[in-house]
Amino acid sequence: MTNFAAIAALIAVLLAGSVSAALAGDAPPRLVEFESPLAGPQALQGYLRLPDGPGPSPAVVLMHGCGGAWRGIDARWGKLLAEWGYVTLAIDRFGTRGITSACTGGLPPSTLHDAYRALNFLAGQSSVDPSRVAVVGFSQGGMLALLSVERGELERSSEQKFRAAIGFYPLCAGIKGDMTVPTLILIGELDDWAPAKECRNLAEGRDDWGISREKGKGVPIEITVYPGAHHDFDVPNFATPVKMLGHHLEFNEAARDRSVDALRKFLQATIGDREKQP
């Protein structure tokens, strides 16, 4: 083979590899079903994404808010996390239960164990490293993410354990904050649905009556509060602000971009591949 032919062959291989990686990044998620304790025949469902390259890989369970919209969570965050090298599972907590919204009745008790059902499903996948799985939730899903790693009956109910938790604008009132793993809260200063003050109190171990957590007990909670940001600051559909049940929802590009960076660094530090750290 001449040098020119050899170089041409090498370029063809490299281009084929680039096209393959691009196609993997653009590949649609796969709809999967997994175990559910419901009396009916339907299992829970979710969108599963696999990163390009060999596994097993770290993984992230994505939990939607009170309005459902789990496909939007996958589109905004699942695809991005898969590009970073994480297996992602954006689960639908409502669909198979016949729930359309849970914004007025609080967290449905039937969904409390859903994060761990998703974790148990992922732990059985050859593509996943079960020792490196985090849970990321949004609004009500953020609250559920925090509850899932708070020391107590829910966390003790599963043999599989999360290694990190991230709550985007979670409802922090009522959470004691004795966390079993590193936990991060990302919230807007102007959030009138999930008040930043309550999440600050949680991170500092305080409640309305003073100190609510023993000093040094549990894993510390990190919190970042974004000035000028409202609830759902990561949702581009709210570029034009809307009111929902009297609450202000508005996209904030600066806060979204900072949250992307914060999430990437936190996941890298807790469940990521250290040798791949940028």
C-alpha atoms as a PDB file:
ATOM      1  CA  MET A   1       0.000   0.000   0.000  1.00  0.00           C
ATOM      2  CA  THR A   2       1.383   3.441  -0.916  1.00  0.00           C
ATOM      3  CA  ASN A   3       1.774   6.112   1.740  1.00  0.00           C
ATOM      4  CA  PHE A   4      -1.085   8.023   0.149  1.00  0.00           C
ATOM      5  CA  ALA A   5      -3.344   4.981   0.249  1.00  0.00           C
ATOM      6  CA  ALA A   6      -2.399   4.286   3.860  1.00  0.00           C
ATOM      7  CA  ILE A   7      -3.152   7.863   4.872  1.00  0.00           C
ATOM      8  CA  ALA A   8      -6.470   7.757   3.010  1.00  0.00           C
ATOM      9  CA  ALA A   9      -7.415   4.532   4.784  1.00  0.00           C
ATOM     10  CA  LEU A  10      -6.535   6.029   8.175  1.00  0.00           C
ATOM     11  CA  ILE A  11      -8.629   9.122   7.485  1.00  0.00           C
ATOM     12  CA  ALA A  12     -11.571   6.919   6.495  1.00  0.00           C
ATOM     13  CA  VAL A  13     -11.324   4.997   9.772  1.00  0.00           C
ATOM     14  CA  LEU A  14     -11.125   8.198  11.824  1.00  0.00           C
ATOM     15  CA  LEU A  15     -14.095   9.702   9.994  1.00  0.00           C
ATOM     16  CA  ALA A  16     -16.103   6.537  10.500  1.00  0.00           C
ATOM     17  CA  GLY A  17     -15.342   6.682  14.219  1.00  0.00           C
ATOM     18  CA  SER A  18     -16.408  10.324  14.404  1.00  0.00           C
ATOM     19  CA  VAL A  19     -19.663   9.594  12.593  1.00  0.00           C
ATOM     20  CA  SER A  20     -20.318   6.654  14.926  1.00  0.00           C
ATOM     21  CA  ALA A  21     -19.789   8.822  18.009  1.00  0.00           C
ATOM     22  CA  ALA A  22     -22.032  11.553  16.593  1.00  0.00           C
ATOM     23  CA  LEU A  23     -24.785   9.063  15.836  1.00  0.00           C
ATOM     24  CA  ALA A  24     -24.477   7.625  19.351  1.00  0.00           C
ATOM     25  CA  GLY A  25     -24.875  11.111  20.814  1.00  0.00           C
ATOM     26  CA  ASP A  26     -27.958  11.761  18.679  1.00  0.00           C
ATOM     27  CA  ALA A  27     -29.522   8.347  19.252  1.00  0.00           C
ATOM     28  CA  PRO A  28     -33.024   8.557  20.752  1.00  0.00           C
ATOM     29  CA  PRO A  29     -33.589   7.177  24.252  1.00  0.00           C
ATOM     30  CA  ARG A  30     -34.966   3.678  24.688  1.00  0.00           C
ATOM     31  CA  LEU A  31     -38.287   3.287  26.494  1.00  0.00           C
ATOM     32  CA  VAL A  32     -37.906   0.658  29.224  1.00  0.00           C
ATOM     33  CA  GLU A  33     -40.221  -0.863  31.817  1.00  0.00           C
ATOM     34  CA  PHE A  34     -39.160  -1.977  35.259  1.00  0.00           C
ATOM     35  CA  GLU A  35     -40.507  -3.427  38.491  1.00  0.00           C
ATOM     36  CA  SER A  36     -43.450  -1.859  40.228  1.00  0.00           C
ATOM     37  CA  PRO A  37     -45.430  -2.942  43.315  1.00  0.00           C
ATOM     38  CA  LEU A  38     -48.659  -1.661  41.832  1.00  0.00           C
ATOM     39  CA  ALA A  39     -51.665  -3.944  41.949  1.00  0.00           C
ATOM     40  CA  GLY A  40     -52.167  -3.451  38.217  1.00  0.00           C
ATOM     41  CA  PRO A  41     -50.191  -5.158  35.467  1.00  0.00           C
ATOM     42  CA  GLN A  42     -48.236  -2.083  34.351  1.00  0.00           C
ATOM     43  CA  ALA A  43     -44.650  -1.572  35.442  1.00  0.00           C
ATOM     44  CA  LEU A  44     -42.971   1.801  35.848  1.00  0.00           C
ATOM     45  CA  GLN A  45     -41.437   3.175  32.675  1.00  0.00           C
ATOM     46  CA  GLY A  46     -38.685   5.555  31.700  1.00  0.00           C
ATOM     47  CA  TYR A  47     -36.273   6.696  29.023  1.00  0.00           C
ATOM     48  CA  LEU A  48     -32.889   4.960  29.165  1.00  0.00           C
ATOM     49  CA  ARG A  49     -29.832   6.471  27.495  1.00  0.00           C
ATOM     50  CA  LEU A  50     -26.423   4.844  27.134  1.00  0.00           C
ATOM     51  CA  PRO A  51     -23.205   6.810  26.626  1.00  0.00           C
ATOM     52  CA  ASP A  52     -20.818   6.101  23.796  1.00  0.00           C
ATOM     53  CA  GLY A  53     -17.906   3.823  24.641  1.00  0.00           C
ATOM     54  CA  PRO A  54     -17.388   0.719  26.757  1.00  0.00           C
ATOM     55  CA  GLY A  55     -19.025   0.237  30.147  1.00  0.00           C
ATOM     56  CA  PRO A  56     -19.793  -0.280  32.882  1.00  0.00           C
ATOM     57  CA  SER A  57     -20.444   3.431  33.362  1.00  0.00           C
ATOM     58  CA  PRO A  58     -21.681   5.609  36.210  1.00  0.00           C
ATOM     59  CA  ALA A  59     -25.394   6.340  36.039  1.00  0.00           C
ATOM     60  CA  VAL A  60     -27.966   8.963  36.980  1.00  0.00           C
ATOM     61  CA  VAL A  61     -31.653   8.538  37.853  1.00  0.00           C
ATOM     62  CA  LEU A  62     -33.671  11.595  36.783  1.00  0.00           C
ATOM     63  CA  MET A  63     -36.855  12.493  38.708  1.00  0.00           C
ATOM     64  CA  HIS A  64     -39.473  14.861  37.259  1.00  0.00           C
ATOM     65  CA  GLY A  65     -41.574  17.409  39.129  1.00  0.00           C
ATOM     66  CA  CYS A  66     -45.233  17.574  40.100  1.00  0.00           C
ATOM     67  CA  GLY A  67     -46.395  18.244  36.542  1.00  0.00           C
ATOM     68  CA  GLY A  68     -44.853  15.117  35.060  1.00  0.00           C
ATOM     69  CA  ALA A  69     -42.966  16.208  31.906  1.00  0.00           C
ATOM     70  CA  TRP A  70     -40.441  13.398  32.295  1.00  0.00           C
ATOM     71  CA  ARG A  71     -39.718  13.449  28.558  1.00  0.00           C
ATOM     72  CA  GLY A  72     -38.635  17.071  28.907  1.00  0.00           C
ATOM     73  CA  ILE A  73     -36.239  16.108  31.717  1.00  0.00           C
ATOM     74  CA  ASP A  74     -34.725  13.480  29.427  1.00  0.00           C
ATOM     75  CA  ALA A  75     -34.436  15.923  26.525  1.00  0.00           C
ATOM     76  CA  ARG A  76     -32.811  18.675  28.606  1.00  0.00           C
ATOM     77  CA  TRP A  77     -30.634  16.621  30.915  1.00  0.00           C
ATOM     78  CA  GLY A  78     -30.625  12.955  29.913  1.00  0.00           C
ATOM     79  CA  LYS A  79     -29.038  13.617  26.528  1.00  0.00           C
ATOM     80  CA  LEU A  80     -26.452  15.972  28.045  1.00  0.00           C
ATOM     81  CA  LEU A  81     -25.499  13.530  30.803  1.00  0.00           C
ATOM     82  CA  ALA A  82     -25.153  10.702  28.286  1.00  0.00           C
ATOM     83  CA  GLU A  83     -22.780  12.904  26.301  1.00  0.00           C
ATOM     84  CA  TRP A  84     -20.751  13.313  29.505  1.00  0.00           C
ATOM     85  CA  GLY A  85     -20.457   9.538  29.825  1.00  0.00           C
ATOM     86  CA  TYR A  86     -23.337   8.649  32.173  1.00  0.00           C
ATOM     87  CA  VAL A  87     -26.096   6.105  31.714  1.00  0.00           C
ATOM     88  CA  THR A  88     -29.346   7.958  32.411  1.00  0.00           C
ATOM     89  CA  LEU A  89     -32.838   6.805  33.329  1.00  0.00           C
ATOM     90  CA  ALA A  90     -35.552   9.475  33.301  1.00  0.00           C
ATOM     91  CA  ILE A  91     -38.477   7.766  34.953  1.00  0.00           C
ATOM     92  CA  ASP A  92     -42.204   8.420  34.597  1.00  0.00           C
ATOM     93  CA  ARG A  93     -43.634   8.361  38.120  1.00  0.00           C
ATOM     94  CA  PHE A  94     -47.183   9.192  37.037  1.00  0.00           C
ATOM     95  CA  GLY A  95     -48.162   7.617  33.724  1.00  0.00           C
ATOM     96  CA  THR A  96     -48.758   4.012  34.720  1.00  0.00           C
ATOM     97  CA  ARG A  97     -50.541   5.167  37.875  1.00  0.00           C
ATOM     98  CA  GLY A  98     -53.007   7.304  35.970  1.00  0.00           C
ATOM     99  CA  ILE A  99     -51.715  10.495  37.613  1.00  0.00           C
ATOM    100  CA  THR A 100     -51.693  13.580  35.379  1.00  0.00           C
ATOM    101  CA  SER A 101     -50.460  16.090  37.967  1.00  0.00           C
ATOM    102  CA  ALA A 102     -49.555  16.187  41.668  1.00  0.00           C
ATOM    103  CA  CYS A 103     -49.051  19.921  42.088  1.00  0.00           C
ATOM    104  CA  THR A 104     -51.883  20.455  44.568  1.00  0.00           C
ATOM    105  CA  GLY A 105     -51.975  17.279  46.626  1.00  0.00           C
ATOM    106  CA  GLY A 106     -48.332  16.954  47.611  1.00  0.00           C
ATOM    107  CA  LEU A 107     -45.958  14.079  46.931  1.00  0.00           C
ATOM    108  CA  PRO A 108     -47.982  10.931  46.066  1.00  0.00           C
ATOM    109  CA  PRO A 109     -47.029   8.296  48.687  1.00  0.00           C
ATOM    110  CA  SER A 110     -47.070   5.602  46.002  1.00  0.00           C
ATOM    111  CA  THR A 111     -44.040   7.247  44.358  1.00  0.00           C
ATOM    112  CA  LEU A 112     -41.785   7.367  47.423  1.00  0.00           C
ATOM    113  CA  HIS A 113     -39.748   4.289  46.502  1.00  0.00           C
ATOM    114  CA  ASP A 114     -39.529   5.021  42.780  1.00  0.00           C
ATOM    115  CA  ALA A 115     -35.952   6.302  42.882  1.00  0.00           C
ATOM    116  CA  TYR A 116     -34.831   3.016  44.423  1.00  0.00           C
ATOM    117  CA  ARG A 117     -36.854   0.965  41.945  1.00  0.00           C
ATOM    118  CA  ALA A 118     -34.991   2.797  39.203  1.00  0.00           C
ATOM    119  CA  LEU A 119     -31.689   2.234  41.010  1.00  0.00           C
ATOM    120  CA  ASN A 120     -32.367  -1.488  41.351  1.00  0.00           C
ATOM    121  CA  PHE A 121     -33.178  -1.678  37.647  1.00  0.00           C
ATOM    122  CA  LEU A 122     -29.955   0.088  36.702  1.00  0.00           C
ATOM    123  CA  ALA A 123     -27.898  -2.087  39.044  1.00  0.00           C
ATOM    124  CA  GLY A 124     -28.964  -5.094  36.987  1.00  0.00           C
ATOM    125  CA  GLN A 125     -27.718  -3.627  33.707  1.00  0.00           C
ATOM    126  CA  SER A 126     -24.296  -4.722  32.436  1.00  0.00           C
ATOM    127  CA  SER A 127     -23.741  -1.167  31.148  1.00  0.00           C
ATOM    128  CA  VAL A 128     -23.957   0.300  34.682  1.00  0.00           C
ATOM    129  CA  ASP A 129     -21.489   0.385  37.563  1.00  0.00           C
ATOM    130  CA  PRO A 130     -23.910  -0.024  40.508  1.00  0.00           C
ATOM    131  CA  SER A 131     -21.403   1.497  42.924  1.00  0.00           C
ATOM    132  CA  ARG A 132     -21.585   4.844  41.060  1.00  0.00           C
ATOM    133  CA  VAL A 133     -25.213   5.916  40.697  1.00  0.00           C
ATOM    134  CA  ALA A 134     -26.627   9.342  41.615  1.00  0.00           C
ATOM    135  CA  VAL A 135     -30.184  10.644  41.795  1.00  0.00           C
ATOM    136  CA  VAL A 136     -31.063  14.053  40.324  1.00  0.00           C
ATOM    137  CA  GLY A 137     -34.518  15.534  40.834  1.00  0.00           C
ATOM    138  CA  PHE A 138     -36.409  18.674  39.863  1.00  0.00           C
ATOM    139  CA  SER A 139     -38.927  20.487  42.108  1.00  0.00           C
ATOM    140  CA  GLN A 140     -41.051  17.724  43.663  1.00  0.00           C
ATOM    141  CA  GLY A 141     -38.606  15.237  42.134  1.00  0.00           C
ATOM    142  CA  GLY A 142     -35.799  17.183  43.825  1.00  0.00           C
ATOM    143  CA  MET A 143     -37.546  16.757  47.149  1.00  0.00           C
ATOM    144  CA  LEU A 144     -37.852  13.033  46.457  1.00  0.00           C
ATOM    145  CA  ALA A 145     -34.149  12.871  45.572  1.00  0.00           C
ATOM    146  CA  LEU A 146     -33.268  14.409  48.960  1.00  0.00           C
ATOM    147  CA  LEU A 147     -35.678  12.151  50.842  1.00  0.00           C
ATOM    148  CA  SER A 148     -34.130   9.128  49.111  1.00  0.00           C
ATOM    149  CA  VAL A 149     -30.697   9.775  50.639  1.00  0.00           C
ATOM    150  CA  GLU A 150     -31.811  11.144  54.015  1.00  0.00           C
ATOM    151  CA  ARG A 151     -31.047   8.717  56.825  1.00  0.00           C
ATOM    152  CA  GLY A 152     -34.241   6.853  57.606  1.00  0.00           C
ATOM    153  CA  GLU A 153     -36.618   4.101  56.602  1.00  0.00           C
ATOM    154  CA  LEU A 154     -36.681   4.988  52.897  1.00  0.00           C
ATOM    155  CA  GLU A 155     -32.890   4.925  52.515  1.00  0.00           C
ATOM    156  CA  ARG A 156     -32.618   1.717  54.550  1.00  0.00           C
ATOM    157  CA  SER A 157     -35.245  -0.044  52.444  1.00  0.00           C
ATOM    158  CA  SER A 158     -32.865  -0.847  49.582  1.00  0.00           C
ATOM    159  CA  GLU A 159     -29.690  -2.897  49.477  1.00  0.00           C
ATOM    160  CA  GLN A 160     -28.537  -0.762  46.566  1.00  0.00           C
ATOM    161  CA  LYS A 161     -27.453   2.752  47.555  1.00  0.00           C
ATOM    162  CA  PHE A 162     -27.118   6.061  45.791  1.00  0.00           C
ATOM    163  CA  ARG A 163     -23.685   7.689  46.000  1.00  0.00           C
ATOM    164  CA  ALA A 164     -24.828  11.283  45.480  1.00  0.00           C
ATOM    165  CA  ALA A 165     -27.999  13.367  45.234  1.00  0.00           C
ATOM    166  CA  ILE A 166     -28.784  16.647  43.492  1.00  0.00           C
ATOM    167  CA  GLY A 167     -31.960  18.654  43.939  1.00  0.00           C
ATOM    168  CA  PHE A 168     -32.901  21.390  41.469  1.00  0.00           C
ATOM    169  CA  TYR A 169     -35.223  23.842  43.257  1.00  0.00           C
ATOM    170  CA  PRO A 170     -36.522  21.179  45.683  1.00  0.00           C
ATOM    171  CA  LEU A 171     -39.127  21.689  48.377  1.00  0.00           C
ATOM    172  CA  CYS A 172     -36.870  21.636  51.441  1.00  0.00           C
ATOM    173  CA  ALA A 173     -39.389  22.155  54.246  1.00  0.00           C
ATOM    174  CA  GLY A 174     -39.836  19.046  56.344  1.00  0.00           C
ATOM    175  CA  ILE A 175     -36.532  17.438  55.401  1.00  0.00           C
ATOM    176  CA  LYS A 176     -34.270  16.920  58.423  1.00  0.00           C
ATOM    177  CA  GLY A 177     -31.069  16.885  56.384  1.00  0.00           C
ATOM    178  CA  ASP A 178     -29.162  13.978  57.952  1.00  0.00           C
ATOM    179  CA  MET A 179     -27.824  12.915  54.568  1.00  0.00           C
ATOM    180  CA  THR A 180     -26.033   9.638  53.923  1.00  0.00           C
ATOM    181  CA  VAL A 181     -24.200  10.803  50.768  1.00  0.00           C
ATOM    182  CA  PRO A 182     -22.893  14.074  49.275  1.00  0.00           C
ATOM    183  CA  THR A 183     -25.872  16.267  48.394  1.00  0.00           C
ATOM    184  CA  LEU A 184     -26.158  19.407  46.272  1.00  0.00           C
ATOM    185  CA  ILE A 185     -29.055  21.873  46.038  1.00  0.00           C
ATOM    186  CA  LEU A 186     -29.342  24.324  43.110  1.00  0.00           C
ATOM    187  CA  ILE A 187     -32.080  26.924  43.512  1.00  0.00           C
ATOM    188  CA  GLY A 188     -33.116  30.432  42.463  1.00  0.00           C
ATOM    189  CA  GLU A 189     -33.104  33.353  44.889  1.00  0.00           C
ATOM    190  CA  LEU A 190     -36.539  34.481  43.651  1.00  0.00           C
ATOM    191  CA  ASP A 191     -38.193  31.044  43.737  1.00  0.00           C
ATOM    192  CA  ASP A 192     -41.655  31.517  45.245  1.00  0.00           C
ATOM    193  CA  TRP A 193     -42.619  27.819  45.012  1.00  0.00           C
ATOM    194  CA  ALA A 194     -39.578  26.230  46.614  1.00  0.00           C
ATOM    195  CA  PRO A 195     -38.195  29.038  48.804  1.00  0.00           C
ATOM    196  CA  ALA A 196     -34.410  29.321  48.855  1.00  0.00           C
ATOM    197  CA  LYS A 197     -34.570  30.278  52.545  1.00  0.00           C
ATOM    198  CA  GLU A 198     -35.888  26.845  53.490  1.00  0.00           C
ATOM    199  CA  CYS A 199     -33.102  25.148  51.529  1.00  0.00           C
ATOM    200  CA  ARG A 200     -30.479  27.410  53.128  1.00  0.00           C
ATOM    201  CA  ASN A 201     -31.844  26.428  56.538  1.00  0.00           C
ATOM    202  CA  LEU A 202     -31.632  22.781  55.540  1.00  0.00           C
ATOM    203  CA  ALA A 203     -28.027  23.122  54.385  1.00  0.00           C
ATOM    204  CA  GLU A 204     -27.127  24.916  57.620  1.00  0.00           C
ATOM    205  CA  GLY A 205     -28.947  22.413  59.823  1.00  0.00           C
ATOM    206  CA  ARG A 206     -31.585  24.910  60.919  1.00  0.00           C
ATOM    207  CA  ASP A 207     -35.359  25.109  60.989  1.00  0.00           C
ATOM    208  CA  ASP A 208     -37.778  27.790  62.155  1.00  0.00           C
ATOM    209  CA  TRP A 209     -36.991  26.980  65.792  1.00  0.00           C
ATOM    210  CA  GLY A 210     -33.197  26.919  65.548  1.00  0.00           C
ATOM    211  CA  ILE A 211     -30.764  24.061  65.056  1.00  0.00           C
ATOM    212  CA  SER A 212     -32.551  20.950  63.773  1.00  0.00           C
ATOM    213  CA  ARG A 213     -29.570  18.694  63.133  1.00  0.00           C
ATOM    214  CA  GLU A 214     -26.769  17.618  65.426  1.00  0.00           C
ATOM    215  CA  LYS A 215     -23.472  19.249  64.517  1.00  0.00           C
ATOM    216  CA  GLY A 216     -21.291  16.918  62.514  1.00  0.00           C
ATOM    217  CA  LYS A 217     -24.082  14.402  61.935  1.00  0.00           C
ATOM    218  CA  GLY A 218     -24.604  13.221  58.379  1.00  0.00           C
ATOM    219  CA  VAL A 219     -22.878  14.318  55.178  1.00  0.00           C
ATOM    220  CA  PRO A 220     -22.835  18.114  54.622  1.00  0.00           C
ATOM    221  CA  ILE A 221     -25.257  19.583  52.104  1.00  0.00           C
ATOM    222  CA  GLU A 222     -23.895  21.994  49.497  1.00  0.00           C
ATOM    223  CA  ILE A 223     -26.169  24.730  48.180  1.00  0.00           C
ATOM    224  CA  THR A 224     -25.896  27.280  45.383  1.00  0.00           C
ATOM    225  CA  VAL A 225     -28.482  30.043  45.142  1.00  0.00           C
ATOM    226  CA  TYR A 226     -28.711  31.846  41.799  1.00  0.00           C
ATOM    227  CA  PRO A 227     -29.536  35.580  42.015  1.00  0.00           C
ATOM    228  CA  GLY A 228     -32.473  36.690  39.881  1.00  0.00           C
ATOM    229  CA  ALA A 229     -33.597  33.123  39.161  1.00  0.00           C
ATOM    230  CA  HIS A 230     -37.108  31.729  39.625  1.00  0.00           C
ATOM    231  CA  HIS A 231     -38.595  28.234  39.736  1.00  0.00           C
ATOM    232  CA  ASP A 232     -37.908  26.093  36.631  1.00  0.00           C
ATOM    233  CA  PHE A 233     -34.933  28.287  35.688  1.00  0.00           C
ATOM    234  CA  ASP A 234     -33.595  25.478  33.455  1.00  0.00           C
ATOM    235  CA  VAL A 235     -36.707  25.160  31.252  1.00  0.00           C
ATOM    236  CA  PRO A 236     -36.368  27.100  27.949  1.00  0.00           C
ATOM    237  CA  ASN A 237     -40.130  26.753  27.353  1.00  0.00           C
ATOM    238  CA  PHE A 238     -40.534  29.376  30.083  1.00  0.00           C
ATOM    239  CA  ALA A 239     -38.451  32.007  28.278  1.00  0.00           C
ATOM    240  CA  THR A 240     -41.727  33.904  28.435  1.00  0.00           C
ATOM    241  CA  PRO A 241     -42.621  33.754  32.149  1.00  0.00           C
ATOM    242  CA  VAL A 242     -45.838  32.007  33.166  1.00  0.00           C
ATOM    243  CA  LYS A 243     -47.898  31.704  36.315  1.00  0.00           C
ATOM    244  CA  MET A 244     -48.843  28.256  37.591  1.00  0.00           C
ATOM    245  CA  LEU A 245     -51.031  27.920  40.672  1.00  0.00           C
ATOM    246  CA  GLY A 246     -49.946  31.433  41.595  1.00  0.00           C
ATOM    247  CA  HIS A 247     -46.215  30.709  41.259  1.00  0.00           C
ATOM    248  CA  HIS A 248     -43.774  32.398  38.881  1.00  0.00           C
ATOM    249  CA  LEU A 249     -41.961  30.125  36.420  1.00  0.00           C
ATOM    250  CA  GLU A 250     -39.209  31.598  34.265  1.00  0.00           C
ATOM    251  CA  PHE A 251     -36.210  30.383  32.275  1.00  0.00           C
ATOM    252  CA  ASN A 252     -32.902  31.984  33.235  1.00  0.00           C
ATOM    253  CA  GLU A 253     -30.100  31.208  30.803  1.00  0.00           C
ATOM    254  CA  ALA A 254     -27.295  32.378  33.091  1.00  0.00           C
ATOM    255  CA  ALA A 255     -28.562  30.272  36.002  1.00  0.00           C
ATOM    256  CA  ARG A 256     -29.116  27.278  33.716  1.00  0.00           C
ATOM    257  CA  ASP A 257     -25.572  27.519  32.358  1.00  0.00           C
ATOM    258  CA  ARG A 258     -24.094  27.805  35.839  1.00  0.00           C
ATOM    259  CA  SER A 259     -26.155  24.838  36.995  1.00  0.00           C
ATOM    260  CA  VAL A 260     -24.841  22.754  34.088  1.00  0.00           C
ATOM    261  CA  ASP A 261     -21.293  23.501  35.206  1.00  0.00           C
ATOM    262  CA  ALA A 262     -22.123  22.843  38.872  1.00  0.00           C
ATOM    263  CA  LEU A 263     -23.806  19.531  38.079  1.00  0.00           C
ATOM    264  CA  ARG A 264     -20.941  18.361  35.916  1.00  0.00           C
ATOM    265  CA  LYS A 265     -18.329  19.141  38.564  1.00  0.00           C
ATOM    266  CA  PHE A 266     -20.379  17.591  41.376  1.00  0.00           C
ATOM    267  CA  LEU A 267     -21.039  14.356  39.490  1.00  0.00           C
ATOM    268  CA  GLN A 268     -17.416  14.172  38.436  1.00  0.00           C
ATOM    269  CA  ALA A 269     -16.298  14.507  42.043  1.00  0.00           C
ATOM    270  CA  THR A 270     -18.776  11.960  43.415  1.00  0.00           C
ATOM    271  CA  ILE A 271     -19.393   9.239  40.817  1.00  0.00           C
ATOM    272  CA  GLY A 272     -17.362  10.209  37.750  1.00  0.00           C
ATOM    273  CA  ASP A 273     -14.159   8.780  36.321  1.00  0.00           C
ATOM    274  CA  ARG A 274     -11.404  10.785  37.978  1.00  0.00           C
ATOM    275  CA  GLU A 275      -8.975  10.127  35.123  1.00  0.00           C
ATOM    276  CA  LYS A 276     -11.435  11.773  32.707  1.00  0.00           C
ATOM    277  CA  GLN A 277     -11.820  14.901  34.817  1.00  0.00           C
ATOM    278  CA  PRO A 278     -11.317  17.997  32.610  1.00  0.00           C
END
